[in-house]
């Protein structure tokens, strides 16, 4: 009988060995009684032993597993943080380029707006001069079509 695994005595036979499979870690006691040819039973023999867990179920392996999981988590977070910082720098550069382009376009529009305002003012002056000249019978234009 293997106490802690099988609590029943096996029937007597002529085998000199016992096989127990799938024994989990823990403390066990192998108990043995023998019977001689005349049918007399021997005293009970006890043999205690401990089955250790497989290496992947030991406390130090759990510690290594936890350490690896934490380290991998830290590496993933660190990598992601570096990736985000890199993307931020790229976006900042794009924003700087776009801002510079917008400022240049703004200056171009302002220059064009000044030209338009100047031309509009000149046209208003010419229109007023043309109206005045027409009253007197002159067209107020030269052959080139510009205001005189």
Protein backbone atom coordinates (compact mmCIF):
# COMPACT_ATOMS: atom_id res chain seq x y z
CA UNK A 1 0.00 0.00 0.00
CA UNK A 2 1.21 3.51 -0.79
CA UNK A 3 -0.24 5.78 1.85
CA UNK A 4 -1.15 9.18 0.36
CA UNK A 5 -1.73 7.62 -3.07
CA UNK A 6 -3.63 4.36 -2.66
CA UNK A 7 -5.02 3.60 0.77
CA UNK A 8 -6.14 0.04 -0.06
CA UNK A 9 -3.94 -3.03 0.34
CA UNK A 10 -3.28 -4.90 -2.87
CA UNK A 11 -4.17 -8.61 -2.87
CA UNK A 12 -1.34 -11.03 -2.08
CA UNK A 13 0.57 -12.40 -5.08
CA UNK A 14 4.04 -13.71 -6.00
CA UNK A 15 5.35 -10.40 -7.46
CA UNK A 16 8.31 -8.80 -5.75
CA UNK A 17 7.66 -5.30 -7.11
CA UNK A 18 4.95 -2.66 -7.00
CA UNK A 19 4.26 -0.06 -9.69
CA UNK A 20 2.59 3.28 -9.02
CA UNK A 21 2.15 5.78 -11.85
CA UNK A 22 1.35 9.50 -12.00
CA UNK A 23 2.51 10.22 -8.49
CA UNK A 24 2.28 13.93 -7.74
CA UNK A 25 4.70 15.75 -5.50
CA UNK A 26 4.21 15.18 -1.79
CA UNK A 27 5.05 12.90 1.09
CA UNK A 28 4.25 9.19 0.81
CA UNK A 29 4.70 6.10 2.94
CA UNK A 30 5.13 2.69 1.29
CA UNK A 31 3.81 -0.01 3.59
CA UNK A 32 4.72 -3.63 3.02
CA UNK A 33 3.70 -6.91 4.61
CA UNK A 34 4.95 -10.24 3.39
CA UNK A 35 3.51 -13.71 3.74
CA UNK A 36 5.70 -16.81 3.89
CA UNK A 37 4.89 -20.22 2.42
CA UNK A 38 3.23 -21.35 5.64
CA UNK A 39 0.88 -18.30 5.53
CA UNK A 40 2.45 -16.36 8.38
CA UNK A 41 2.52 -12.55 7.95
CA UNK A 42 5.61 -10.50 8.63
CA UNK A 43 5.73 -7.31 10.63
CA UNK A 44 4.66 -4.13 8.84
CA UNK A 45 7.53 -2.41 7.03
CA UNK A 46 7.23 1.35 6.45
CA UNK A 47 9.31 3.32 3.96
CA UNK A 48 8.62 7.07 3.83
CA UNK A 49 9.78 9.24 0.94
CA UNK A 50 9.10 12.58 -0.65
CA UNK A 51 8.38 13.15 -4.36
CA UNK A 52 9.65 16.52 -5.52
CA UNK A 53 7.71 18.55 -8.07
CA UNK A 54 8.97 18.74 -11.64
CA UNK A 55 11.28 21.69 -12.29
CA UNK A 56 8.54 23.73 -13.98
CA UNK A 57 6.39 23.60 -10.81
CA UNK A 58 9.06 24.67 -8.33
CA UNK A 59 9.02 28.00 -6.45
CA UNK A 60 12.19 29.18 -8.17
CA UNK A 61 10.67 28.51 -11.60
CA UNK A 62 7.58 30.50 -10.62
CA UNK A 63 9.93 33.30 -9.56
CA UNK A 64 11.78 33.13 -12.90
CA UNK A 65 8.45 33.10 -14.79
CA UNK A 66 7.19 36.15 -12.89
CA UNK A 67 10.49 37.96 -13.46
CA UNK A 68 10.40 37.19 -17.18
CA UNK A 69 6.79 38.33 -17.50
CA UNK A 70 7.56 41.59 -15.69
CA UNK A 71 10.72 42.14 -17.77
CA UNK A 72 8.86 41.48 -21.03
CA UNK A 73 6.11 43.88 -19.91
CA UNK A 74 8.69 46.56 -19.12
CA UNK A 75 10.40 46.00 -22.48
CA UNK A 76 7.10 46.29 -24.34
CA UNK A 77 6.18 49.48 -22.48
CA UNK A 78 9.65 50.92 -23.07
CA UNK A 79 9.54 50.07 -26.78
CA UNK A 80 6.06 51.55 -27.10
CA UNK A 81 7.16 54.70 -25.27
CA UNK A 82 10.14 55.13 -27.62
CA UNK A 83 7.87 54.56 -30.61
CA UNK A 84 5.41 57.20 -29.39
CA UNK A 85 8.23 59.70 -28.75
CA UNK A 86 9.59 59.06 -32.25
CA UNK A 87 6.13 59.56 -33.78
CA UNK A 88 5.73 62.75 -31.74
CA UNK A 89 9.00 64.12 -33.13
CA UNK A 90 7.93 63.25 -36.69
CA UNK A 91 4.57 64.99 -36.16
CA UNK A 92 6.26 68.04 -34.62
CA UNK A 93 8.51 68.27 -37.69
CA UNK A 94 5.51 67.97 -40.00
CA UNK A 95 3.69 70.67 -38.05
CA UNK A 96 6.74 72.95 -38.21
CA UNK A 97 7.01 72.45 -41.99
CA UNK A 98 3.26 73.01 -42.47
CA UNK A 99 3.34 76.12 -40.26
CA UNK A 100 6.26 77.54 -42.22
CA UNK A 101 4.45 76.83 -45.48
CA UNK A 102 1.26 78.47 -44.19
CA UNK A 103 3.21 81.54 -43.04
CA UNK A 104 4.83 81.82 -46.48
CA UNK A 105 1.47 81.48 -48.18
CA UNK A 106 0.03 84.08 -45.80
CA UNK A 107 2.80 86.52 -46.74
CA UNK A 108 2.18 85.81 -50.43
CA UNK A 109 -1.56 86.42 -49.98
CA UNK A 110 -0.87 89.64 -48.07
CA UNK A 111 1.43 90.89 -50.86
CA UNK A 112 -1.19 89.98 -53.46
CA UNK A 113 -3.87 91.64 -51.35
CA UNK A 114 -1.79 94.86 -51.19
CA UNK A 115 -1.35 94.76 -54.98
CA UNK A 116 -5.10 94.26 -55.43
CA UNK A 117 -5.89 97.11 -53.02
CA UNK A 118 -3.41 99.37 -54.83
CA UNK A 119 -4.87 98.44 -58.22
CA UNK A 120 -8.40 98.96 -56.88
CA UNK A 121 -7.46 102.37 -55.53
CA UNK A 122 -5.89 103.31 -58.87
CA UNK A 123 -9.02 102.10 -60.67
CA UNK A 124 -11.25 104.13 -58.40
CA UNK A 125 -9.08 107.20 -59.06
CA UNK A 126 -9.15 106.54 -62.82
CA UNK A 127 -12.91 105.98 -62.74
CA UNK A 128 -13.35 109.31 -60.98
CA UNK A 129 -10.98 111.02 -63.44
CA UNK A 130 -12.73 109.42 -66.41
CA UNK A 131 -16.10 110.58 -65.17
CA UNK A 132 -14.79 114.11 -64.70
CA UNK A 133 -13.17 114.14 -68.14
CA UNK A 134 -16.26 112.69 -69.81
CA UNK A 135 -18.27 115.54 -68.45
CA UNK A 136 -15.96 117.86 -70.32
CA UNK A 137 -16.06 115.75 -73.47
CA UNK A 138 -12.71 113.91 -73.11
CA UNK A 139 -12.32 110.16 -72.62
CA UNK A 140 -9.46 110.36 -70.17
CA UNK A 141 -7.65 107.42 -71.78
CA UNK A 142 -4.57 107.04 -73.81
CA UNK A 143 -4.19 104.57 -76.64
CA UNK A 144 -2.73 101.96 -74.30
CA UNK A 145 -5.93 101.89 -72.22
CA UNK A 146 -4.32 103.13 -68.97
CA UNK A 147 -5.62 106.01 -66.97
CA UNK A 148 -3.78 109.31 -67.60
